[in-house]
Amino acid sequence: MTNQSLSFKSLREKHPRFVYQGYDWKLANDELVISFDFLLEPDITFKPKINISPVTQENIDSIPKEVLDKWIFNLGMIELFSYWKVAASREILVKAGPLSRKQIDWWKDLLIRGMGEYFYTNKINFNRDDFIKISSDHTSRRPSFKFKPTREYLVPIGGGKDSALVTNLLAEKGISYDTLLSFPQSPAAMQIAGNKQIFEIKREFDPKLFELNKNGYLNGHTPFSARLAFEGSIVALLLGHKGILLANEFSANEGNVPYLGTIINHQYSKTFDFENKFRSYVADNLGSSPEYLSILRPLTELQIAALFAQNPRFHNVFRSCNRGQQENKWCCDCPKCLFVFTILYPFLEEKELVGPIFPENLFEKESIVEVSKELMGLDSTKPFECVGTHEETQAAFYLSIKKWQKNNPGKELPIVLKEVNKKVLTNIPDLDKTAELLLCFWNKEHNLDESLEKIIKEAVEKICKGKND
């Protein structure tokens, strides 16, 4: 093999079938060690592991083995996406456990929607009739176990402003929660988790995956949040949490780019569509379990930024930049950095934003002008990052310009704001009204109970000048 990319067609011919052969788990030193056995036919095996800690024997004994087996088997289904993608085999044969026809349809739907960015970047036609077949020889049965929670919420922490805001909101109301960290994790996530009980998920890739990538096999984005849904549910089930509280917002529902008659969404597994489908899948096939929902679902990214700005607790800690997160820094060149800088600028003084959070003023960087246009929709492809909608970004730039002009009367706008204003915003009417509507926005499509809904509505009232109904 060479280090040149191999063709999609040749890889599918060479590796026509991917087999989920089995899984295993054991408890060792208060750590649940899960291993999977995958085969890329004819002869490439993968044996990845996922370790969850701390888990005690008492936790294991609190649920029937049949229930834990079912959850771990399903975790293997989402884990296999990372290995199937190297050749995109036309068949996935599931020998490890039972899948009904309805479950198979669910997994095909998640594969197509959740792997959209991978298909787009590798120019793969996922609409062809023979694209993927998932088969299983087993018959699935829903367990009759009745889950009885003993703890409040489990909150996954990613290191960005969204999960930091969730912990702020819960702390303000005195609501008990534990935190979940998925490693390799950023230093920011560790600091946001603080002194709360931390549960850790450590993923061990099979090194052959990276060897194949180096030798031209396919690579690309997989739905991280879908894997987190299964991982987090297993942790919450074992530890007795009544629910997993995500920090996924309304804005995640907007896609990135049209491709082959559909809209590719980098954030698909953060969408309300996935949230509801996952909840239904669990109810239909895995039975009584902790509730899975996002507490920030009613909100836009602009609202989240406004609320986050009000509490300085994590301002100098959080890191949202995917390029620099592991090194605990902002790269200051990517779409995510510019987006976060822009939505925070209207709600913080410049001395609070530049220095304590970002090392430089991104509005003064000529090299990032094109990125600003991509964020606002002038490019056919919205950046493959977890950023807000085009409308939200336009409103954030508008508010940033107004604030800059107020603080710097008579001075010329910095280069990014100058170009944004000239090339985009002057052609968009009523941006002041749009910004106000976004700050008073309320998305009624959510899964919050009355108590959680009240927390978010009270938060919105702090930033909304109008009346929120």
Protein backbone atom coordinates (compact mmCIF):
# COMPACT_ATOMS: atom_id res chain seq x y z
CA MET A 1 0.00 0.00 0.00
CA THR A 2 1.02 3.58 -0.54
CA ASN A 3 0.24 6.72 1.37
CA GLN A 4 -2.02 7.87 -1.50
CA SER A 5 -5.77 7.78 -0.91
CA LEU A 6 -7.41 4.57 -2.10
CA SER A 7 -10.67 4.78 -4.02
CA PHE A 8 -14.04 4.20 -2.40
CA LYS A 9 -14.87 1.63 -5.09
CA SER A 10 -11.64 -0.37 -4.68
CA LEU A 11 -11.96 -0.44 -0.88
CA ARG A 12 -15.53 -1.75 -1.02
CA GLU A 13 -14.48 -4.45 -3.46
CA LYS A 14 -11.54 -5.46 -1.28
CA HIS A 15 -13.56 -5.34 1.96
CA PRO A 16 -17.19 -6.15 1.12
CA ARG A 17 -18.28 -6.94 4.65
CA PHE A 18 -17.72 -5.57 8.15
CA VAL A 19 -18.56 -7.93 11.01
CA TYR A 20 -19.41 -7.02 14.60
CA GLN A 21 -18.22 -10.32 16.06
CA GLY A 22 -18.62 -9.76 19.77
CA TYR A 23 -18.03 -7.79 22.93
CA ASP A 24 -16.83 -8.50 26.43
CA TRP A 25 -16.71 -6.65 29.73
CA LYS A 26 -15.26 -7.06 33.17
CA LEU A 27 -14.84 -5.08 36.38
CA ALA A 28 -11.23 -4.50 37.46
CA ASN A 29 -10.01 -2.07 40.12
CA ASP A 30 -13.26 -0.08 40.11
CA GLU A 31 -13.15 0.24 36.33
CA LEU A 32 -15.62 -1.23 33.86
CA VAL A 33 -13.46 -2.47 31.00
CA ILE A 34 -15.39 -3.01 27.75
CA SER A 35 -13.82 -4.56 24.66
CA PHE A 36 -15.20 -5.07 21.16
CA ASP A 37 -14.28 -7.49 18.40
CA PHE A 38 -14.69 -6.22 14.84
CA LEU A 39 -13.61 -7.84 11.58
CA LEU A 40 -13.11 -6.02 8.30
CA GLU A 41 -13.23 -8.96 5.94
CA PRO A 42 -11.26 -10.72 4.81
CA ASP A 43 -8.53 -10.38 7.42
CA ILE A 44 -8.34 -7.09 9.37
CA THR A 45 -9.43 -7.28 13.00
CA PHE A 46 -10.03 -4.40 15.40
CA LYS A 47 -10.23 -4.76 19.17
CA PRO A 48 -10.94 -1.33 20.68
CA LYS A 49 -11.72 -0.77 24.35
CA ILE A 50 -13.77 1.66 26.42
CA ASN A 51 -13.04 2.03 30.13
CA ILE A 52 -15.53 3.60 32.56
CA SER A 53 -14.61 4.58 36.12
CA PRO A 54 -15.23 4.62 38.99
CA VAL A 55 -17.64 1.67 38.93
CA THR A 56 -18.04 -0.70 41.87
CA GLN A 57 -19.33 -4.24 42.17
CA GLU A 58 -22.36 -2.79 43.94
CA ASN A 59 -23.07 -0.67 40.84
CA ILE A 60 -22.80 -3.73 38.62
CA ASP A 61 -25.11 -5.75 40.88
CA SER A 62 -27.74 -2.97 40.84
CA ILE A 63 -28.95 -3.90 37.35
CA PRO A 64 -29.53 -7.30 35.70
CA LYS A 65 -26.69 -8.64 33.57
CA GLU A 66 -29.08 -8.94 30.62
CA VAL A 67 -29.72 -5.17 30.74
CA LEU A 68 -26.04 -4.22 30.96
CA ASP A 69 -25.24 -6.66 28.15
CA LYS A 70 -27.84 -5.02 25.92
CA TRP A 71 -26.46 -1.54 26.58
CA ILE A 72 -22.87 -2.60 25.96
CA PHE A 73 -23.85 -4.41 22.77
CA ASN A 74 -25.52 -1.23 21.51
CA LEU A 75 -22.49 0.84 22.50
CA GLY A 76 -20.54 -1.44 20.18
CA MET A 77 -22.91 -0.56 17.35
CA ILE A 78 -22.00 3.12 17.54
CA GLU A 79 -18.32 2.31 18.17
CA LEU A 80 -18.12 0.30 14.95
CA PHE A 81 -18.79 3.45 12.88
CA SER A 82 -15.18 4.54 13.53
CA TYR A 83 -13.84 1.30 12.02
CA TRP A 84 -16.43 0.63 9.31
CA LYS A 85 -15.59 4.01 7.77
CA VAL A 86 -12.08 2.97 6.67
CA ALA A 87 -13.57 1.03 3.75
CA ALA A 88 -17.33 1.76 3.92
CA SER A 89 -18.13 -1.93 3.36
CA ARG A 90 -21.49 -2.51 1.70
CA GLU A 91 -22.61 -4.92 4.44
CA ILE A 92 -22.46 -4.79 8.23
CA LEU A 93 -23.09 -8.24 9.72
CA VAL A 94 -24.01 -8.14 13.42
CA LYS A 95 -23.18 -11.40 15.21
CA ALA A 96 -22.64 -9.90 18.65
CA GLY A 97 -26.28 -9.48 19.64
CA PRO A 98 -29.91 -9.14 18.63
CA LEU A 99 -31.37 -6.51 16.33
CA SER A 100 -34.97 -6.36 15.15
CA ARG A 101 -35.85 -5.07 11.69
CA LYS A 102 -36.95 -1.78 13.28
CA GLN A 103 -33.62 -1.47 15.10
CA ILE A 104 -31.70 -2.13 11.89
CA ASP A 105 -33.65 0.67 10.20
CA TRP A 106 -32.79 2.97 13.14
CA TRP A 107 -29.07 2.22 12.86
CA LYS A 108 -29.11 2.73 9.08
CA ASP A 109 -30.79 6.09 9.59
CA LEU A 110 -28.17 7.14 12.16
CA LEU A 111 -25.33 5.98 9.93
CA ILE A 112 -26.61 7.97 6.95
CA ARG A 113 -27.45 11.13 8.90
CA GLY A 114 -24.64 10.99 11.45
CA MET A 115 -21.91 10.23 8.90
CA GLY A 116 -23.01 12.92 6.45
CA GLU A 117 -19.85 15.01 6.78
CA TYR A 118 -17.75 11.87 6.16
CA PHE A 119 -19.72 11.13 2.97
CA TYR A 120 -19.40 14.73 1.80
CA THR A 121 -15.67 15.07 2.38
CA ASN A 122 -14.95 11.69 0.77
CA LYS A 123 -17.39 12.32 -2.13
CA ILE A 124 -19.35 9.14 -1.37
CA ASN A 125 -22.78 8.51 -2.87
CA PHE A 126 -24.78 7.16 0.06
CA ASN A 127 -28.03 7.21 -1.96
CA ARG A 128 -27.17 4.21 -4.14
CA ASP A 129 -29.43 1.18 -3.62
CA ASP A 130 -26.58 -1.12 -2.63
CA PHE A 131 -24.83 1.37 -0.36
CA ILE A 132 -25.33 -0.36 2.99
CA LYS A 133 -27.00 -3.50 4.29
CA ILE A 134 -27.14 -4.24 8.03
CA SER A 135 -28.09 -7.78 9.01
CA SER A 136 -28.48 -9.76 12.22
CA ASP A 137 -29.42 -13.38 12.88
CA HIS A 138 -30.93 -12.67 16.27
CA THR A 139 -34.34 -11.61 17.56
CA SER A 140 -34.39 -8.69 19.97
CA ARG A 141 -36.38 -8.63 23.22
CA ARG A 142 -37.08 -5.61 25.42
CA PRO A 143 -35.98 -6.20 29.05
CA SER A 144 -38.60 -5.87 31.80
CA PHE A 145 -36.22 -4.25 34.33
CA LYS A 146 -37.58 -1.21 36.20
CA PHE A 147 -34.90 1.45 36.72
CA LYS A 148 -35.02 3.24 40.10
CA PRO A 149 -32.84 6.38 40.22
CA THR A 150 -30.91 7.24 43.38
CA ARG A 151 -29.06 10.37 42.16
CA GLU A 152 -29.98 13.59 40.38
CA TYR A 153 -28.31 14.46 37.06
CA LEU A 154 -25.22 13.45 35.13
CA VAL A 155 -23.75 16.35 33.12
CA PRO A 156 -21.23 15.64 30.32
CA ILE A 157 -18.51 18.32 30.29
CA GLY A 158 -16.79 19.21 27.04
CA GLY A 159 -14.76 22.23 28.09
CA GLY A 160 -16.76 24.86 26.18
CA LYS A 161 -19.17 27.60 27.24
CA ASP A 162 -22.32 25.48 26.85
CA SER A 163 -21.59 22.79 29.44
CA ALA A 164 -20.08 25.47 31.69
CA LEU A 165 -23.38 27.35 31.52
CA VAL A 166 -25.31 24.21 32.47
CA THR A 167 -23.21 23.74 35.60
CA ASN A 168 -23.72 27.44 36.46
CA LEU A 169 -27.51 27.16 36.09
CA LEU A 170 -27.72 24.02 38.22
CA ALA A 171 -25.42 25.42 40.89
CA GLU A 172 -27.48 28.62 41.13
CA LYS A 173 -30.59 26.56 41.87
CA GLY A 174 -28.82 24.20 44.27
CA ILE A 175 -29.49 21.16 42.08
CA SER A 176 -27.21 18.19 42.67
CA TYR A 177 -25.26 16.81 39.72
CA ASP A 178 -22.23 14.69 38.87
CA THR A 179 -19.99 15.21 35.84
CA LEU A 180 -18.94 12.95 32.98
CA LEU A 181 -15.64 13.43 31.16
CA SER A 182 -14.79 11.59 27.95
CA PHE A 183 -11.02 11.27 27.49
CA PRO A 184 -8.77 12.44 25.98
CA GLN A 185 -10.23 15.48 27.69
CA SER A 186 -9.15 19.09 27.71
CA PRO A 187 -7.73 20.82 30.81
CA ALA A 188 -10.72 23.19 30.58
CA ALA A 189 -13.18 20.34 31.12
CA MET A 190 -11.34 19.21 34.23
CA GLN A 191 -11.52 22.71 35.68
CA ILE A 192 -15.21 23.12 34.85
CA ALA A 193 -15.96 19.78 36.50
CA GLY A 194 -14.27 21.16 39.62
CA ASN A 195 -14.84 19.32 42.88
CA LYS A 196 -17.96 17.50 41.72
CA GLN A 197 -18.01 13.71 41.50
CA ILE A 198 -16.33 12.92 38.17
CA PHE A 199 -16.98 9.81 36.11
CA GLU A 200 -14.50 9.11 33.34
CA ILE A 201 -14.77 7.40 29.98
CA LYS A 202 -11.48 6.49 28.34
CA ARG A 203 -11.52 5.24 24.77
CA GLU A 204 -8.68 3.05 23.49
CA PHE A 205 -8.54 2.93 19.69
CA ASP A 206 -7.10 -0.10 17.95
CA PRO A 207 -3.78 1.18 16.52
CA LYS A 208 -4.49 -0.57 13.20
CA LEU A 209 -7.10 2.12 12.53
CA PHE A 210 -4.40 4.80 12.30
CA GLU A 211 -2.09 2.55 10.27
CA LEU A 212 -4.83 2.09 7.68
CA ASN A 213 -5.48 5.83 7.55
CA LYS A 214 -1.78 6.44 6.87
CA ASN A 215 -1.92 3.93 4.05
CA GLY A 216 -4.76 5.55 2.17
CA TYR A 217 -7.88 4.08 3.75
CA LEU A 218 -10.81 6.43 4.30
CA ASN A 219 -11.18 8.72 7.30
CA GLY A 220 -13.66 11.34 8.47
CA HIS A 221 -16.11 12.64 11.04
CA THR A 222 -18.24 10.27 13.13
CA PRO A 223 -21.22 11.31 15.34
CA PHE A 224 -19.48 11.90 18.66
CA SER A 225 -22.66 12.94 20.51
CA ALA A 226 -24.43 9.72 19.49
CA ARG A 227 -21.62 7.72 21.10
CA LEU A 228 -21.82 9.98 24.16
CA ALA A 229 -25.56 9.21 24.38
CA PHE A 230 -24.86 5.50 24.80
CA GLU A 231 -21.80 5.96 27.02
CA GLY A 232 -23.54 8.49 29.24
CA SER A 233 -26.64 6.32 29.54
CA ILE A 234 -24.56 3.34 30.68
CA VAL A 235 -22.83 5.47 33.33
CA ALA A 236 -26.13 6.97 34.53
CA LEU A 237 -27.76 3.54 34.61
CA LEU A 238 -24.97 2.01 36.68
CA LEU A 239 -24.71 4.95 39.08
CA GLY A 240 -28.43 5.62 39.39
CA HIS A 241 -28.75 9.09 37.84
CA LYS A 242 -32.29 10.01 36.91
CA GLY A 243 -31.14 11.79 33.76
CA ILE A 244 -28.30 12.88 31.50
CA LEU A 245 -28.40 16.65 30.94
CA LEU A 246 -26.84 17.71 27.65
CA ALA A 247 -25.93 21.25 26.58
CA ASN A 248 -27.23 21.01 22.99
CA GLU A 249 -29.03 24.11 21.79
CA PHE A 250 -31.71 24.90 19.19
CA SER A 251 -29.04 26.20 16.80
CA ALA A 252 -27.61 22.69 16.30
CA ASN A 253 -30.59 21.87 14.09
CA GLU A 254 -29.26 23.96 11.18
CA GLY A 255 -27.20 21.99 8.66
CA ASN A 256 -23.97 22.86 6.85
CA VAL A 257 -24.26 22.08 3.16
CA PRO A 258 -26.64 20.45 0.64
CA TYR A 259 -25.34 17.18 -0.79
CA LEU A 260 -27.09 14.56 -2.92
CA GLY A 261 -30.56 15.85 -2.13
CA THR A 262 -30.11 16.18 1.62
CA ILE A 263 -28.62 18.65 4.08
CA ILE A 264 -25.39 17.53 5.73
CA ASN A 265 -25.26 18.52 9.40
CA HIS A 266 -21.93 18.31 11.22
CA GLN A 267 -23.90 18.45 14.48
CA TYR A 268 -26.61 15.91 13.57
CA SER A 269 -26.30 13.91 16.80
CA LYS A 270 -26.76 17.17 18.74
CA THR A 271 -30.09 17.87 17.03
CA PHE A 272 -33.56 17.55 18.51
CA ASP A 273 -34.30 14.95 15.84
CA PHE A 274 -31.57 12.68 17.16
CA GLU A 275 -32.50 13.38 20.79
CA ASN A 276 -36.05 12.20 20.17
CA LYS A 277 -35.01 9.20 18.08
CA PHE A 278 -32.55 8.10 20.75
CA ARG A 279 -35.18 8.43 23.48
CA SER A 280 -37.61 6.33 21.42
CA TYR A 281 -34.96 3.72 20.63
CA VAL A 282 -34.14 3.31 24.32
CA ALA A 283 -37.81 3.12 25.35
CA ASP A 284 -38.63 0.55 22.66
CA ASN A 285 -35.56 -1.68 22.95
CA LEU A 286 -33.68 -1.09 26.20
CA GLY A 287 -36.53 -0.39 28.58
CA SER A 288 -36.60 1.68 31.74
CA SER A 289 -33.51 3.91 31.81
CA PRO A 290 -32.22 7.37 32.80
CA GLU A 291 -33.79 10.17 30.78
CA TYR A 292 -31.69 11.67 27.98
CA LEU A 293 -32.32 15.35 27.18
CA SER A 294 -30.73 18.74 26.59
CA ILE A 295 -31.46 21.49 29.09
CA LEU A 296 -30.38 24.21 26.61
CA ARG A 297 -32.64 23.00 23.77
CA PRO A 298 -34.98 26.05 24.01
CA LEU A 299 -32.10 28.49 23.41
CA THR A 300 -30.04 29.96 20.59
CA GLU A 301 -26.26 30.29 20.67
CA LEU A 302 -26.68 34.05 21.06
CA GLN A 303 -28.75 33.57 24.22
CA ILE A 304 -26.24 31.08 25.60
CA ALA A 305 -23.43 33.59 25.06
CA ALA A 306 -25.40 36.36 26.77
CA LEU A 307 -26.11 34.13 29.79
CA PHE A 308 -22.57 32.79 29.96
CA ALA A 309 -21.21 36.35 29.93
CA GLN A 310 -23.19 37.18 33.08
CA ASN A 311 -21.28 34.72 35.25
CA PRO A 312 -17.46 35.14 35.12
CA ARG A 313 -16.81 31.88 37.00
CA PHE A 314 -15.42 30.05 33.95
CA HIS A 315 -14.49 32.94 31.65
CA ASN A 316 -10.74 32.38 31.90
CA VAL A 317 -11.12 28.59 31.96
CA PHE A 318 -13.36 27.47 29.07
CA ARG A 319 -11.92 26.52 25.68
CA SER A 320 -14.14 25.92 22.64
CA CYS A 321 -11.44 25.77 19.94
CA ASN A 322 -11.19 22.21 18.61
CA ARG A 323 -7.69 22.83 17.26
CA GLY A 324 -6.27 24.14 20.52
CA GLN A 325 -8.45 22.53 23.18
CA GLN A 326 -6.04 19.76 24.15
CA GLU A 327 -3.27 22.34 24.55
CA ASN A 328 -5.61 24.58 26.55
CA LYS A 329 -5.49 27.48 24.09
CA TRP A 330 -7.40 29.34 21.38
CA CYS A 331 -5.83 29.05 17.92
CA CYS A 332 -7.45 32.41 16.93
CA ASP A 333 -7.62 31.40 13.26
CA CYS A 334 -10.52 28.95 12.96
CA PRO A 335 -14.29 29.46 12.48
CA LYS A 336 -15.02 28.28 16.02
CA CYS A 337 -12.69 30.85 17.58
CA LEU A 338 -14.14 33.71 15.53
CA PHE A 339 -17.70 32.62 16.20
CA VAL A 340 -17.21 32.43 19.99
CA PHE A 341 -15.37 35.77 20.01
CA THR A 342 -18.19 37.39 18.02
CA ILE A 343 -21.12 36.15 20.08
CA LEU A 344 -19.42 37.09 23.35
CA TYR A 345 -18.26 40.56 22.22
CA PRO A 346 -21.68 42.26 22.59
CA PHE A 347 -22.02 41.07 26.19
CA LEU A 348 -18.54 41.66 27.61
CA GLU A 349 -16.28 44.67 27.83
CA GLU A 350 -13.33 44.34 25.47
CA LYS A 351 -10.91 44.20 28.42
CA GLU A 352 -12.90 41.21 29.73
CA LEU A 353 -12.73 39.40 26.40
CA VAL A 354 -9.27 40.26 25.04
CA GLY A 355 -6.64 39.17 27.54
CA PRO A 356 -8.59 37.15 30.09
CA ILE A 357 -10.18 34.91 27.41
CA PHE A 358 -8.67 35.46 23.95
CA PRO A 359 -5.00 36.44 23.59
CA GLU A 360 -5.79 38.92 20.79
CA ASN A 361 -8.62 40.88 19.22
CA LEU A 362 -9.88 38.70 16.38
CA PHE A 363 -11.72 41.60 14.72
CA GLU A 364 -8.32 43.09 13.91
CA LYS A 365 -7.06 40.02 11.99
CA GLU A 366 -7.28 40.46 8.22
CA SER A 367 -6.47 36.76 7.74
CA ILE A 368 -9.80 35.78 9.28
CA VAL A 369 -12.07 37.96 7.12
CA GLU A 370 -13.01 35.09 4.80
CA VAL A 371 -13.95 32.94 7.78
CA SER A 372 -16.43 35.62 8.87
CA LYS A 373 -18.17 35.41 5.49
CA GLU A 374 -18.42 31.62 5.76
CA LEU A 375 -20.04 31.92 9.16
CA MET A 376 -22.70 34.28 7.79
CA GLY A 377 -23.63 32.13 4.82
CA LEU A 378 -21.79 33.76 1.91
CA ASP A 379 -19.99 30.47 1.24
CA SER A 380 -22.04 27.50 0.07
CA THR A 381 -20.60 25.44 2.92
CA LYS A 382 -21.17 26.43 6.52
CA PRO A 383 -17.97 25.56 8.45
CA PHE A 384 -17.94 21.99 9.76
CA GLU A 385 -17.81 23.18 13.35
CA CYS A 386 -20.32 23.47 16.19
CA VAL A 387 -21.28 27.07 15.43
CA GLY A 388 -24.57 28.98 15.42
CA THR A 389 -26.96 29.61 12.56
CA HIS A 390 -26.21 32.15 9.84
CA GLU A 391 -28.91 34.44 11.26
CA GLU A 392 -27.42 34.31 14.77
CA THR A 393 -23.96 35.07 13.47
CA GLN A 394 -25.25 38.02 11.46
CA ALA A 395 -27.01 39.38 14.55
CA ALA A 396 -23.89 38.89 16.67
CA PHE A 397 -21.75 40.82 14.18
CA TYR A 398 -24.39 43.56 14.06
CA LEU A 399 -24.41 43.87 17.87
CA SER A 400 -20.60 43.81 17.93
CA ILE A 401 -20.41 46.67 15.43
CA LYS A 402 -22.91 48.74 17.41
CA LYS A 403 -20.97 48.17 20.61
CA TRP A 404 -17.61 48.96 19.01
CA GLN A 405 -18.95 52.19 17.51
CA LYS A 406 -20.43 53.23 20.85
CA ASN A 407 -17.11 52.67 22.62
CA ASN A 408 -15.01 54.17 19.79
CA PRO A 409 -16.97 57.14 18.37
CA GLY A 410 -15.60 58.53 15.11
CA LYS A 411 -13.03 55.76 14.62
CA GLU A 412 -12.83 53.38 11.69
CA LEU A 413 -14.07 49.84 12.31
CA PRO A 414 -11.44 47.10 12.67
CA ILE A 415 -10.89 45.13 9.46
CA VAL A 416 -13.19 42.17 10.13
CA LEU A 417 -16.13 44.30 11.25
CA LYS A 418 -15.50 46.73 8.40
CA GLU A 419 -15.65 43.98 5.77
CA VAL A 420 -18.62 42.27 7.40
CA ASN A 421 -20.54 45.51 7.53
CA LYS A 422 -19.73 46.48 3.93
CA LYS A 423 -20.13 43.08 2.23
CA VAL A 424 -22.97 41.54 4.25
CA LEU A 425 -24.81 43.48 6.91
CA THR A 426 -25.68 46.56 4.83
CA ASN A 427 -27.82 44.28 2.65
CA ILE A 428 -29.79 42.78 5.54
CA PRO A 429 -32.75 44.81 6.88
CA ASP A 430 -34.00 45.02 10.48
CA LEU A 431 -30.99 43.45 12.15
CA ASP A 432 -31.84 45.27 15.37
CA LYS A 433 -35.21 43.51 15.48
CA THR A 434 -33.62 40.18 14.55
CA ALA A 435 -31.14 40.46 17.40
CA GLU A 436 -33.89 41.30 19.88
CA LEU A 437 -36.03 38.39 18.70
CA LEU A 438 -33.09 35.99 19.02
CA LEU A 439 -32.37 37.14 22.58
CA CYS A 440 -36.05 36.64 23.47
CA PHE A 441 -36.37 33.39 21.53
CA TRP A 442 -38.04 30.34 23.03
CA ASN A 443 -37.99 26.99 21.26
CA LYS A 444 -41.05 25.01 22.36
CA GLU A 445 -39.68 21.75 20.96
CA HIS A 446 -37.82 20.30 23.93
CA ASN A 447 -38.06 17.49 26.49
CA LEU A 448 -37.72 19.56 29.65
CA ASP A 449 -40.00 18.90 32.60
CA GLU A 450 -41.69 21.79 34.39
CA SER A 451 -38.84 22.37 36.86
CA LEU A 452 -36.08 22.44 34.22
CA GLU A 453 -38.19 24.59 31.90
CA LYS A 454 -38.64 27.11 34.72
CA ILE A 455 -34.86 27.35 35.21
CA ILE A 456 -34.29 28.19 31.55
CA LYS A 457 -37.23 30.59 31.28
CA GLU A 458 -36.02 32.54 34.31
CA ALA A 459 -32.57 32.73 32.71
CA VAL A 460 -34.00 34.06 29.45
CA GLU A 461 -35.89 36.78 31.30
CA LYS A 462 -32.53 38.23 32.38
CA ILE A 463 -31.48 38.91 28.79
CA CYS A 464 -34.77 39.52 27.02
CA LYS A 465 -36.08 43.07 26.85
CA GLY A 466 -39.46 41.91 25.59
CA LYS A 467 -41.90 39.44 27.06
CA ASN A 468 -41.13 35.77 26.64
CA ASP A 469 -44.11 33.48 26.21
